[in-house]
Amino acid sequence: MIELLIVVAILALLLSIAIPSYQGYILRANRAEGKNFLLRVQAAQERFYTNNSVYSASMTGTGTAGLGFSSSTAPNNKFTVGIALTNANRGYVLTLTPSNGHQDPDCTTLTVDNLGNKSATGTQAERCWTR
């Protein structure tokens, strides 16, 4: 009986270490998918600018109506991208924010602009783009 209690205690200790590590891994993986989507939108904006000499305010639509995405939600449904145009539609700021109940306290928002400047907000904002 004592041996069983020792095994249970060891398993509890291992789980107390493994579960937070796993949750952190899942959070970083979701964030990577969100960053990938944000950078895809940035590339689409640059293609749109090449063809139209202005940036688009719309994620949906094709041709001169938008960037050609089906929605502003990332494929994993955990993030949305917002577009803010600047400088008479010759500049933009893209903002990635968690959505659909997903939370990322380390990196609350990620932003990138037409000049390639990247920034973030959250408790670990300085590490959001590098990790």
Protein backbone atom coordinates (compact mmCIF):
# COMPACT_ATOMS: atom_id res chain seq x y z
CA MET A 1 0.00 0.00 0.00
CA ILE A 2 2.83 2.41 0.81
CA GLU A 3 4.47 1.60 -2.52
CA LEU A 4 1.25 2.51 -4.31
CA LEU A 5 1.08 5.85 -2.46
CA ILE A 6 4.68 6.59 -3.45
CA VAL A 7 3.91 5.85 -7.11
CA VAL A 8 0.82 8.09 -6.98
CA ALA A 9 2.88 10.90 -5.37
CA ILE A 10 5.55 10.61 -8.06
CA LEU A 11 2.91 10.68 -10.82
CA ALA A 12 1.29 13.75 -9.26
CA LEU A 13 4.66 15.50 -9.16
CA LEU A 14 5.40 14.66 -12.79
CA LEU A 15 1.96 15.84 -13.91
CA SER A 16 2.32 19.11 -11.99
CA ILE A 17 5.41 19.80 -14.10
CA ALA A 18 4.21 18.39 -17.42
CA ILE A 19 0.78 20.01 -17.68
CA PRO A 20 1.94 23.68 -17.46
CA SER A 21 4.76 22.95 -19.92
CA TYR A 22 2.30 21.39 -22.35
CA GLN A 23 -0.09 24.32 -22.01
CA GLY A 24 2.76 26.74 -22.70
CA TYR A 25 3.70 24.76 -25.79
CA ILE A 26 0.12 24.85 -27.08
CA LEU A 27 -0.07 28.61 -26.46
CA ARG A 28 3.17 29.23 -28.39
CA ALA A 29 2.02 26.95 -31.24
CA ASN A 30 -1.27 28.86 -31.55
CA ARG A 31 0.63 32.15 -31.48
CA ALA A 32 2.92 30.92 -34.27
CA GLU A 33 -0.14 30.11 -36.41
CA GLY A 34 -1.51 33.59 -35.71
CA LYS A 35 1.80 35.25 -36.62
CA ASN A 36 1.93 33.22 -39.82
CA PHE A 37 -1.55 34.45 -40.76
CA LEU A 38 -0.61 38.05 -39.95
CA LEU A 39 2.44 37.83 -42.20
CA ARG A 40 0.31 36.29 -44.98
CA VAL A 41 -2.01 39.30 -44.73
CA GLN A 42 1.01 41.60 -44.87
CA ALA A 43 2.22 39.88 -48.06
CA ALA A 44 -1.28 40.19 -49.55
CA GLN A 45 -1.28 43.91 -48.74
CA GLU A 46 2.01 44.36 -50.57
CA ARG A 47 0.67 42.48 -53.63
CA PHE A 48 -2.48 44.64 -53.51
CA TYR A 49 -0.34 47.80 -53.35
CA THR A 50 1.73 46.67 -56.32
CA ASN A 51 -1.43 46.30 -58.42
CA ASN A 52 -3.45 49.28 -57.14
CA SER A 53 -0.96 51.85 -55.72
CA VAL A 54 -2.97 51.91 -52.45
CA TYR A 55 -3.49 49.45 -49.61
CA SER A 56 -6.80 47.70 -48.95
CA ALA A 57 -8.98 48.12 -45.86
CA SER A 58 -10.84 44.88 -46.60
CA MET A 59 -9.65 41.34 -45.96
CA THR A 60 -12.45 39.83 -48.05
CA GLY A 61 -13.23 40.38 -51.69
CA THR A 62 -11.01 40.04 -54.71
CA GLY A 63 -9.47 42.36 -57.26
CA THR A 64 -9.75 45.96 -56.14
CA ALA A 65 -12.39 45.03 -53.52
CA GLY A 66 -10.07 43.32 -51.02
CA LEU A 67 -7.19 41.02 -50.22
CA GLY A 68 -8.96 37.79 -51.17
CA PHE A 69 -9.28 36.11 -47.76
CA SER A 70 -12.52 34.38 -46.81
CA SER A 71 -12.60 36.24 -43.46
CA SER A 72 -10.41 38.21 -41.07
CA THR A 73 -10.17 35.20 -38.76
CA ALA A 74 -7.02 33.07 -38.77
CA PRO A 75 -7.46 29.45 -39.93
CA ASN A 76 -7.20 28.14 -36.34
CA ASN A 77 -10.12 30.46 -35.34
CA LYS A 78 -8.14 31.79 -32.39
CA PHE A 79 -7.09 35.18 -33.82
CA THR A 80 -8.47 37.98 -35.98
CA VAL A 81 -6.59 40.56 -38.00
CA GLY A 82 -7.65 44.20 -38.13
CA ILE A 83 -6.49 46.67 -40.77
CA ALA A 84 -5.98 50.37 -40.09
CA LEU A 85 -5.00 52.43 -43.14
CA THR A 86 -2.73 55.45 -42.75
CA ASN A 87 -1.27 58.18 -44.96
CA ALA A 88 -4.18 58.36 -47.44
CA ASN A 89 -4.25 54.56 -47.94
CA ARG A 90 -0.51 54.47 -48.64
CA GLY A 91 0.30 52.89 -45.28
CA TYR A 92 -1.26 50.38 -42.91
CA VAL A 93 -1.06 48.83 -39.48
CA LEU A 94 -2.18 45.20 -39.12
CA THR A 95 -3.20 44.06 -35.64
CA LEU A 96 -3.55 40.42 -34.58
CA THR A 97 -5.79 39.91 -31.53
CA PRO A 98 -7.04 36.75 -29.80
CA SER A 99 -10.68 35.86 -30.47
CA ASN A 100 -13.32 33.17 -29.95
CA GLY A 101 -12.46 32.74 -26.27
CA HIS A 102 -8.74 32.25 -26.90
CA GLN A 103 -6.51 34.19 -24.52
CA ASP A 104 -2.80 34.92 -24.76
CA PRO A 105 -1.72 37.02 -21.76
CA ASP A 106 1.93 36.94 -22.83
CA CYS A 107 1.18 38.52 -26.22
CA THR A 108 -2.18 40.27 -26.14
CA THR A 109 -1.77 41.91 -29.56
CA LEU A 110 0.82 41.72 -32.33
CA THR A 111 1.15 44.53 -34.86
CA VAL A 112 3.09 45.07 -38.06
CA ASP A 113 3.03 48.04 -40.42
CA ASN A 114 3.87 48.67 -44.06
CA LEU A 115 7.46 49.53 -43.14
CA GLY A 116 7.95 46.16 -41.44
CA ASN A 117 7.94 47.56 -37.91
CA LYS A 118 6.73 44.91 -35.47
CA SER A 119 5.42 45.47 -31.96
CA ALA A 120 3.38 43.66 -29.33
CA THR A 121 1.52 44.14 -26.07
CA GLY A 122 1.23 41.75 -23.15
CA THR A 123 3.23 40.50 -20.18
CA GLN A 124 6.02 39.13 -22.41
CA ALA A 125 5.72 41.68 -25.24
CA GLU A 126 9.46 41.91 -25.83
CA ARG A 127 9.57 38.19 -26.71
CA CYS A 128 6.40 37.87 -28.80
CA TRP A 129 8.01 38.17 -32.23
CA THR A 130 11.09 36.12 -31.39
CA ARG A 131 9.47 33.16 -29.69
